[in-house]
Amino acid sequence: AVHSTTSYLRYLVYSNMSDKEGTNAEDIHDATPPLHSIALIGCLTAILIPFLPSFESLDEVATTQTFTRVLFPTVISVKTMGWIRIMFGAILCTTLFLAFLLAEQNIQTNYKPGSKLKSVEISFRGYLHESSSFSDAILTQAPFTQWSVHLFAWSNLLSGIVSLLVAYGYDQTLQELSPWILRVAILLFEIGGP
């Protein structure tokens, strides 16, 4: 499964590269990670899984008070804070969606002199671009910055929803019926925040 996944990703990436320096998909060799790297990641994962937070410790932090604490209560209410968070998250989600649809960007990779890596141009094309496919559009979401913005956008949306539910008096219902909203909101913030 690893080989087929890496082959498909390699196909997606290198099908978007220009032939400026004679690089094409046939010149690229197998990109499967070395076995020692796979073994290291597997061992580290097995060792670190017990240190992940339990649901009980996560629920101690993921409370409605965490999402509704207002620094200056005389200036801004919980309801206003909720709407600001939702608007900020909506703006970010809209920007990401437009990048998925309309992106048109060429990135030139540069490496140090003497490197065996070839400097090529990677083209990002949105779904609505005339020479683009869905797999090309998915690549617009591949850079690390896009992942960080996704985490931040969804964190703001969920935090805004929690703030509004508390402001409108549904805080007990929120904790009883769907503690996963609070859990996911705090996890997204903790992963994307720093």
Protein backbone atom coordinates (compact mmCIF):
# COMPACT_ATOMS: atom_id res chain seq x y z
CA ALA A 1 0.00 0.00 0.00
CA VAL A 2 2.89 2.36 0.74
CA HIS A 3 4.40 1.80 -2.69
CA SER A 4 1.15 2.45 -4.56
CA THR A 5 0.39 5.57 -2.52
CA THR A 6 3.85 7.03 -3.04
CA SER A 7 3.69 6.14 -6.72
CA TYR A 8 0.37 7.95 -7.09
CA LEU A 9 1.63 11.02 -5.19
CA ARG A 10 4.81 11.02 -7.25
CA TYR A 11 2.68 10.88 -10.40
CA LEU A 12 0.56 13.81 -9.19
CA VAL A 13 3.57 15.96 -8.32
CA TYR A 14 5.71 15.19 -11.34
CA SER A 15 2.86 15.42 -13.82
CA ASN A 16 2.68 19.10 -12.84
CA MET A 17 6.38 19.77 -13.37
CA SER A 18 7.63 21.49 -16.44
CA ASP A 19 10.09 19.90 -18.86
CA LYS A 20 12.39 22.91 -18.60
CA GLU A 21 15.39 20.83 -17.51
CA GLY A 22 14.40 17.56 -19.17
CA THR A 23 12.72 16.15 -16.07
CA ASN A 24 9.69 14.00 -16.67
CA ALA A 25 7.87 11.25 -14.80
CA GLU A 26 9.95 8.52 -16.44
CA ASP A 27 13.22 9.98 -15.07
CA ILE A 28 12.01 9.79 -11.49
CA HIS A 29 13.02 6.68 -9.57
CA ASP A 30 11.12 4.98 -6.78
CA ALA A 31 10.40 7.36 -3.90
CA THR A 32 9.43 4.76 -1.29
CA PRO A 33 10.91 5.74 2.09
CA PRO A 34 13.80 3.59 3.32
CA LEU A 35 12.85 0.69 5.59
CA HIS A 36 14.86 2.08 8.51
CA SER A 37 12.83 5.31 8.33
CA ILE A 38 9.55 3.39 8.31
CA ALA A 39 10.77 1.28 11.26
CA LEU A 40 11.83 4.40 13.21
CA ILE A 41 8.44 6.09 12.71
CA GLY A 42 6.66 2.86 13.67
CA CYS A 43 8.73 2.45 16.86
CA LEU A 44 8.34 6.09 17.88
CA THR A 45 4.60 5.90 17.30
CA ALA A 46 4.31 2.74 19.40
CA ILE A 47 6.34 4.35 22.20
CA LEU A 48 4.50 7.69 22.19
CA ILE A 49 0.88 6.51 21.84
CA PRO A 50 0.51 5.85 25.60
CA PHE A 51 1.45 9.49 26.25
CA LEU A 52 -1.49 10.87 24.26
CA PRO A 53 -4.09 12.59 26.44
CA SER A 54 -7.01 10.52 27.66
CA PHE A 55 -10.60 11.63 27.11
CA GLU A 56 -10.85 12.49 30.81
CA SER A 57 -7.84 14.82 30.73
CA LEU A 58 -9.03 16.30 27.45
CA ASP A 59 -12.48 16.93 28.92
CA GLU A 60 -10.90 18.78 31.87
CA VAL A 61 -9.51 21.35 29.41
CA ALA A 62 -12.22 21.30 26.73
CA THR A 63 -14.94 23.07 28.68
CA THR A 64 -17.28 25.84 27.64
CA GLN A 65 -15.44 28.19 30.01
CA THR A 66 -12.27 27.69 27.95
CA PHE A 67 -13.99 29.00 24.81
CA THR A 68 -16.02 31.77 26.43
CA ARG A 69 -13.41 33.48 28.59
CA VAL A 70 -13.42 37.12 27.53
CA LEU A 71 -10.35 39.15 28.37
CA PHE A 72 -12.23 42.48 28.49
CA PRO A 73 -15.89 41.73 29.33
CA THR A 74 -16.80 45.43 29.44
CA VAL A 75 -15.66 45.85 25.82
CA ILE A 76 -16.85 42.67 24.13
CA SER A 77 -19.53 40.12 24.96
CA VAL A 78 -19.37 36.34 24.50
CA LYS A 79 -21.92 36.62 21.68
CA THR A 80 -19.84 39.22 19.82
CA MET A 81 -16.69 37.15 20.32
CA GLY A 82 -18.50 34.12 18.86
CA TRP A 83 -19.58 36.05 15.77
CA ILE A 84 -16.08 37.46 15.27
CA ARG A 85 -14.59 33.96 15.45
CA ILE A 86 -17.15 32.60 12.99
CA MET A 87 -16.58 35.47 10.56
CA PHE A 88 -12.79 35.04 10.77
CA GLY A 89 -13.11 31.28 10.20
CA ALA A 90 -15.54 31.84 7.32
CA ILE A 91 -13.16 34.30 5.64
CA LEU A 92 -10.31 31.79 5.92
CA CYS A 93 -12.47 28.91 4.60
CA THR A 94 -13.62 31.07 1.69
CA THR A 95 -10.03 31.98 0.85
CA LEU A 96 -8.99 28.32 0.93
CA PHE A 97 -11.94 27.32 -1.24
CA LEU A 98 -11.15 30.04 -3.78
CA ALA A 99 -7.52 28.89 -3.84
CA PHE A 100 -8.77 25.36 -4.54
CA LEU A 101 -10.90 26.63 -7.43
CA LEU A 102 -8.88 29.50 -8.92
CA ALA A 103 -5.21 29.09 -7.93
CA GLU A 104 -2.62 29.65 -10.62
CA GLN A 105 0.90 29.68 -9.28
CA ASN A 106 4.31 28.41 -10.40
CA ILE A 107 6.91 27.65 -7.75
CA GLN A 108 10.57 27.19 -8.65
CA THR A 109 12.40 24.78 -6.33
CA ASN A 110 15.96 25.81 -5.52
CA TYR A 111 18.63 23.66 -3.94
CA LYS A 112 22.21 24.23 -2.82
CA PRO A 113 24.91 23.91 -5.47
CA GLY A 114 26.17 20.34 -5.76
CA SER A 115 22.85 18.81 -4.70
CA LYS A 116 21.59 15.80 -6.66
CA LEU A 117 18.08 17.24 -6.56
CA LYS A 118 16.98 18.91 -9.76
CA SER A 119 15.57 22.41 -9.72
CA VAL A 120 12.16 22.23 -11.38
CA GLU A 121 9.05 24.33 -11.61
CA ILE A 122 5.93 23.04 -9.85
CA SER A 123 2.63 24.37 -11.16
CA PHE A 124 -0.39 24.74 -8.92
CA ARG A 125 -3.66 25.04 -10.84
CA GLY A 126 -7.13 25.39 -9.36
CA TYR A 127 -10.05 23.21 -10.36
CA LEU A 128 -11.57 25.84 -12.67
CA HIS A 129 -8.32 26.40 -14.56
CA GLU A 130 -8.70 25.33 -18.19
CA SER A 131 -5.92 22.72 -18.12
CA SER A 132 -6.58 21.39 -14.62
CA SER A 133 -8.11 18.26 -13.14
CA PHE A 134 -9.43 17.51 -9.68
CA SER A 135 -6.11 15.91 -8.65
CA ASP A 136 -4.28 19.07 -9.77
CA ALA A 137 -6.64 21.17 -7.67
CA ILE A 138 -6.04 18.96 -4.62
CA LEU A 139 -2.33 19.78 -4.91
CA THR A 140 -3.14 23.46 -4.25
CA GLN A 141 -3.90 22.34 -0.68
CA ALA A 142 -0.63 20.38 -0.28
CA PRO A 143 1.77 23.05 1.09
CA PHE A 144 2.27 23.20 4.86
CA THR A 145 0.93 26.75 5.00
CA GLN A 146 -2.41 25.60 3.59
CA TRP A 147 -2.66 22.87 6.25
CA SER A 148 -1.96 25.43 8.98
CA VAL A 149 -4.61 27.79 7.64
CA HIS A 150 -7.12 24.90 7.48
CA LEU A 151 -6.48 24.08 11.14
CA PHE A 152 -6.78 27.72 12.14
CA ALA A 153 -9.98 28.24 10.12
CA TRP A 154 -11.77 25.19 11.52
CA SER A 155 -10.56 26.00 15.03
CA ASN A 156 -12.08 29.48 14.77
CA LEU A 157 -15.35 28.17 13.33
CA LEU A 158 -15.79 25.59 16.10
CA SER A 159 -14.75 28.03 18.83
CA GLY A 160 -17.25 30.55 17.47
CA ILE A 161 -20.02 27.97 17.41
CA VAL A 162 -19.28 26.99 21.01
CA SER A 163 -19.24 30.65 22.09
CA LEU A 164 -22.58 31.32 20.40
CA LEU A 165 -24.20 28.19 21.84
CA VAL A 166 -23.14 29.29 25.32
CA ALA A 167 -24.27 32.88 24.70
CA TYR A 168 -27.72 31.62 23.68
CA GLY A 169 -27.99 29.33 26.72
CA TYR A 170 -27.20 25.91 25.25
CA ASP A 171 -24.03 25.26 27.25
CA GLN A 172 -25.34 22.26 29.24
CA THR A 173 -26.84 20.74 26.10
CA LEU A 174 -23.52 21.17 24.33
CA GLN A 175 -21.56 19.37 27.05
CA GLU A 176 -24.10 16.56 27.41
CA LEU A 177 -24.99 15.82 23.78
CA SER A 178 -21.80 16.44 21.87
CA PRO A 179 -18.60 16.70 23.89
CA TRP A 180 -16.76 15.97 20.65
CA ILE A 181 -17.35 19.54 19.44
CA LEU A 182 -15.42 20.81 22.46
CA ARG A 183 -12.74 18.12 22.13
CA VAL A 184 -12.14 18.71 18.42
CA ALA A 185 -12.16 22.50 18.87
CA ILE A 186 -9.47 22.37 21.57
CA LEU A 187 -7.38 19.84 19.63
CA LEU A 188 -7.50 21.95 16.45
CA PHE A 189 -6.47 25.00 18.42
CA GLU A 190 -3.62 23.18 20.18
CA ILE A 191 -2.31 21.68 16.93
CA GLY A 192 -2.68 24.78 14.76
CA GLY A 193 -2.22 27.53 17.33
CA PRO A 194 1.52 27.41 18.00
